Amino acid sequence: MTRRRRSRGSTVLEFALVGVPMILVFVSIVEIGLAMWTYTTLAYAAKELNRYVAVHGKHCSSGTNNCALTVGTVATTAESYAMGLSSSTLNLTLTSPSKTYNCNPVSSCTSNSNAWPPAADSTVGTLIQVQMQYQVNTVLPVMWPGSKGANYGGYNLWAYSAQRVLF
């Protein structure tokens, strides 16, 4: 009976020593997984968007076929390629040798009717660049000892793609 009295409360102590760090490890694994998924989606969107632009150059329009793009069309396509990412924190930069468009956020360019790539840069072999940036908010700083609890941390993920105009 004396042994039982001495072990009372040890379960709570063991949970505090082992359970709390294990919860922190579990949440960290989930956060890292979400960050990896976000980066993969962002890199895919940048690569596919640049490929989409590269095949819509000056020689794409022939006869009755008109496949000219606008900055608005490219921004809308960027939003659709970046599935699952909030367009309010998704930034897009389109760069050609003569012009650069910054869409911060990407939805600010959906009504832009300027041609992309510009006429001078839509010839075969011209280098077109797409850069996408996404802000990720994380809950990990809330779990850090001594933190205020209401401050959420965040960091930016970047994806870049460069391709020459093909048609």
Protein backbone atom coordinates (compact mmCIF):
# COMPACT_ATOMS: atom_id res chain seq x y z
CA MET A 1 0.00 0.00 0.00
CA THR A 2 2.82 2.42 0.66
CA ARG A 3 4.17 1.76 -2.80
CA ARG A 4 0.87 2.80 -4.34
CA ARG A 5 0.85 6.09 -2.47
CA ARG A 6 4.32 6.98 -3.71
CA SER A 7 3.41 6.38 -7.37
CA ARG A 8 0.32 8.55 -7.28
CA GLY A 9 0.68 11.45 -9.75
CA SER A 10 3.48 9.80 -11.68
CA THR A 11 1.25 9.35 -14.73
CA VAL A 12 0.71 13.08 -14.98
CA LEU A 13 4.43 13.71 -14.60
CA GLU A 14 5.30 11.10 -17.25
CA PHE A 15 2.81 12.62 -19.66
CA ALA A 16 4.25 16.09 -19.07
CA LEU A 17 7.77 14.82 -19.72
CA VAL A 18 6.98 12.64 -22.75
CA GLY A 19 3.54 13.58 -24.10
CA VAL A 20 3.99 17.31 -24.55
CA PRO A 21 7.23 16.98 -26.61
CA MET A 22 5.60 14.19 -28.65
CA ILE A 23 2.66 16.47 -29.46
CA LEU A 24 5.15 19.15 -30.56
CA VAL A 25 6.93 16.60 -32.78
CA PHE A 26 3.63 15.46 -34.30
CA VAL A 27 2.51 19.03 -35.08
CA SER A 28 5.97 19.76 -36.54
CA ILE A 29 5.73 16.75 -38.85
CA VAL A 30 2.31 17.90 -40.05
CA GLU A 31 3.58 21.47 -40.63
CA ILE A 32 6.62 20.23 -42.59
CA GLY A 33 4.36 18.01 -44.71
CA LEU A 34 2.07 20.96 -45.48
CA ALA A 35 5.06 23.14 -46.39
CA MET A 36 6.40 20.44 -48.73
CA TRP A 37 2.99 20.08 -50.41
CA THR A 38 2.75 23.88 -50.78
CA TYR A 39 6.21 24.13 -52.34
CA THR A 40 5.54 21.25 -54.73
CA THR A 41 2.28 22.87 -55.83
CA LEU A 42 4.00 26.23 -56.26
CA ALA A 43 6.88 24.77 -58.30
CA TYR A 44 4.42 22.82 -60.48
CA ALA A 45 2.35 25.97 -61.09
CA ALA A 46 5.42 28.02 -62.07
CA LYS A 47 6.72 25.34 -64.45
CA GLU A 48 3.37 24.69 -66.12
CA LEU A 49 2.54 28.39 -66.38
CA ASN A 50 5.85 29.09 -68.09
CA ARG A 51 5.30 26.20 -70.48
CA TYR A 52 1.80 27.54 -71.23
CA VAL A 53 3.29 30.95 -72.10
CA ALA A 54 6.15 29.44 -74.13
CA VAL A 55 3.82 27.67 -76.56
CA HIS A 56 1.76 30.83 -77.17
CA GLY A 57 4.38 32.93 -78.97
CA LYS A 58 4.11 35.01 -82.13
CA HIS A 59 3.94 32.04 -84.54
CA CYS A 60 1.19 30.31 -82.59
CA SER A 61 -1.39 32.45 -84.36
CA SER A 62 -1.67 31.26 -87.94
CA GLY A 63 -4.60 31.58 -90.30
CA THR A 64 -7.79 31.79 -88.27
CA ASN A 65 -6.13 30.45 -85.11
CA ASN A 66 -5.64 33.20 -82.53
CA CYS A 67 -3.86 32.04 -79.42
CA ALA A 68 -2.48 35.37 -78.20
CA LEU A 69 -2.31 35.75 -74.43
CA THR A 70 -2.88 38.68 -72.11
CA VAL A 71 -1.44 39.27 -68.65
CA GLY A 72 -4.96 38.70 -67.29
CA THR A 73 -5.21 35.31 -69.00
CA VAL A 74 -1.80 34.30 -67.65
CA ALA A 75 -2.75 35.43 -64.11
CA THR A 76 -6.02 33.49 -64.24
CA THR A 77 -4.15 30.42 -65.49
CA ALA A 78 -1.64 30.83 -62.64
CA GLU A 79 -4.49 30.75 -60.13
CA SER A 80 -5.87 27.58 -61.68
CA TYR A 81 -2.47 25.83 -61.69
CA ALA A 82 -1.89 26.73 -58.04
CA MET A 83 -4.77 24.62 -56.78
CA GLY A 84 -5.28 24.78 -53.04
CA LEU A 85 -3.21 27.93 -52.58
CA SER A 86 -4.93 31.15 -51.57
CA SER A 87 -4.71 33.69 -54.38
CA SER A 88 -4.68 36.52 -51.81
CA THR A 89 -1.12 35.53 -50.71
CA LEU A 90 0.09 34.27 -54.09
CA ASN A 91 2.35 36.70 -55.96
CA LEU A 92 3.36 36.40 -59.61
CA THR A 93 6.16 38.10 -61.54
CA LEU A 94 6.30 37.79 -65.34
CA THR A 95 9.60 38.81 -66.91
CA SER A 96 10.67 39.13 -70.54
CA PRO A 97 13.69 41.02 -71.95
CA SER A 98 11.68 44.22 -72.40
CA LYS A 99 8.90 44.13 -69.78
CA THR A 100 8.17 42.94 -66.23
CA TYR A 101 4.75 42.62 -64.60
CA ASN A 102 4.39 42.24 -60.84
CA CYS A 103 1.06 40.84 -59.76
CA ASN A 104 0.97 41.20 -55.97
CA PRO A 105 -1.39 39.43 -55.35
CA VAL A 106 -2.02 37.49 -58.53
CA SER A 107 -5.69 38.51 -58.56
CA SER A 108 -4.64 42.15 -59.14
CA CYS A 109 -3.66 41.29 -62.73
CA THR A 110 -6.67 39.22 -63.82
CA SER A 111 -8.22 42.22 -65.61
CA ASN A 112 -4.96 43.35 -67.29
CA SER A 113 -5.43 43.27 -71.08
CA ASN A 114 -1.79 43.86 -72.10
CA ALA A 115 -0.32 41.20 -74.35
CA TRP A 116 2.00 38.63 -72.78
CA PRO A 117 4.65 38.05 -73.89
CA PRO A 118 4.96 41.53 -75.43
CA ALA A 119 5.06 41.60 -79.24
CA ALA A 120 8.81 42.32 -79.30
CA ASP A 121 9.50 39.33 -77.04
CA SER A 122 7.15 36.74 -78.52
CA THR A 123 9.57 35.50 -81.17
CA VAL A 124 10.95 31.98 -81.05
CA GLY A 125 13.92 31.64 -78.69
CA THR A 126 13.16 34.61 -76.43
CA LEU A 127 13.63 33.80 -72.74
CA ILE A 128 10.46 34.20 -70.65
CA GLN A 129 10.61 33.93 -66.85
CA VAL A 130 7.92 33.22 -64.28
CA GLN A 131 8.46 33.71 -60.56
CA MET A 132 5.83 32.83 -57.99
CA GLN A 133 5.92 33.58 -54.28
CA TYR A 134 3.55 32.30 -51.60
CA GLN A 135 3.38 33.24 -47.93
CA VAL A 136 2.89 30.27 -45.63
CA ASN A 137 1.62 30.85 -42.10
CA THR A 138 2.58 28.33 -39.46
CA VAL A 139 1.26 27.54 -36.01
CA LEU A 140 4.60 26.35 -34.59
CA PRO A 141 5.60 29.65 -32.89
CA VAL A 142 2.44 29.41 -30.79
CA MET A 143 3.72 26.17 -29.28
CA TRP A 144 7.17 27.57 -28.52
CA PRO A 145 7.77 28.02 -24.77
CA GLY A 146 7.56 31.64 -23.75
CA SER A 147 5.75 32.84 -26.87
CA LYS A 148 2.86 35.24 -26.52
CA GLY A 149 0.45 32.72 -28.06
CA ALA A 150 -1.27 35.10 -30.46
CA ASN A 151 1.64 35.65 -32.86
CA TYR A 152 1.62 33.34 -35.84
CA GLY A 153 4.83 32.95 -37.76
CA GLY A 154 5.15 32.93 -41.49
CA TYR A 155 7.67 32.45 -44.24
CA ASN A 156 7.79 32.82 -48.00
CA LEU A 157 8.23 30.03 -50.52
CA TRP A 158 9.58 30.89 -53.99
CA ALA A 159 9.40 29.03 -57.29
CA TYR A 160 11.07 30.12 -60.50
CA SER A 161 10.91 28.90 -64.08
CA ALA A 162 12.60 30.11 -67.24
CA GLN A 163 11.84 28.85 -70.73
CA ARG A 164 12.29 30.06 -74.26
CA VAL A 165 9.32 30.81 -76.52
CA LEU A 166 8.75 27.71 -78.67
CA PHE A 167 6.26 28.84 -81.34
